[in-house]
């Protein structure tokens, strides 16, 4: 089995011209997904690429490099609009997982219960990908994840960054996760909310996204629209607001339970995000 650890993006993209390579960052999703005794022909470790783990702000956006770990995100000095993403980062796996796993890897794994996806949807984030043959393209998170374990990433493409546009001043966020325990657990349901309050104490802007209740995490546009102009103590979440969701029954909970739980979870996330 071959193992490559390039120190620049050009070498990494050249390596991906060969379909045998499996991209490896933290490995916290890649290794558990491998079958017993099954290994790819070659691993491409991207953690040595200069700058790929940086978190920077430029050109009106925050750029989270594809090799940035959950711990890097927690420690980064980011505006309050990123607080929901930081809470999600603190609840992923264990400290060891947070030190190794990456937000970009969480996206590429494309699990319906990927903790990083709802906060990114609530931030309006985009995914930057690159290939040696076609250069760079940028996709909305909702376009990048196409289904259970399916993304828009071509075999010769590499995620290079997650790009979050600057949020309006005063924006705040929250993240709520329900599981059978606090850590080392797959979410039963989770909700991220980004809220902007006006000077009169009413909701001026709202983004709400729910994960683990459909094949792909979903924004709730009807709820977002209904929130505008409301005070926090007047927030009500109706079943109709949850129409984009399609929760399943599994060992962690029934679909009906998930809908009941996420209805309350949305309200809590909205009120927490809107509270200064």
Foldseek 3Di string as FASTA:
>chain_A
DAEAEDAAPLVLQVVLVDLQEDEDALCPLVVVPADVVDDGPYYYYDNNHPPQQDWDDDPQKIKGHQNPFLVNLLPDDDDQLCVALNVLSPAAAHPVRRVRHGLNVLLLQQALQSSNPQSLVQQQKWWWKAHPVPGIDIGTSVQQRDFRNDGPADSSMDTTIIIGGDDPPQKHKHKDFDFPDRHPTRTCKMKMKIFHADPVQATQFIWMWMGQQARHIDIQVVLRVVRGGHHLVPRAFDLVSVVVGHHDADPGHHSVVSSVVVRVNRSVGHSVRSDD
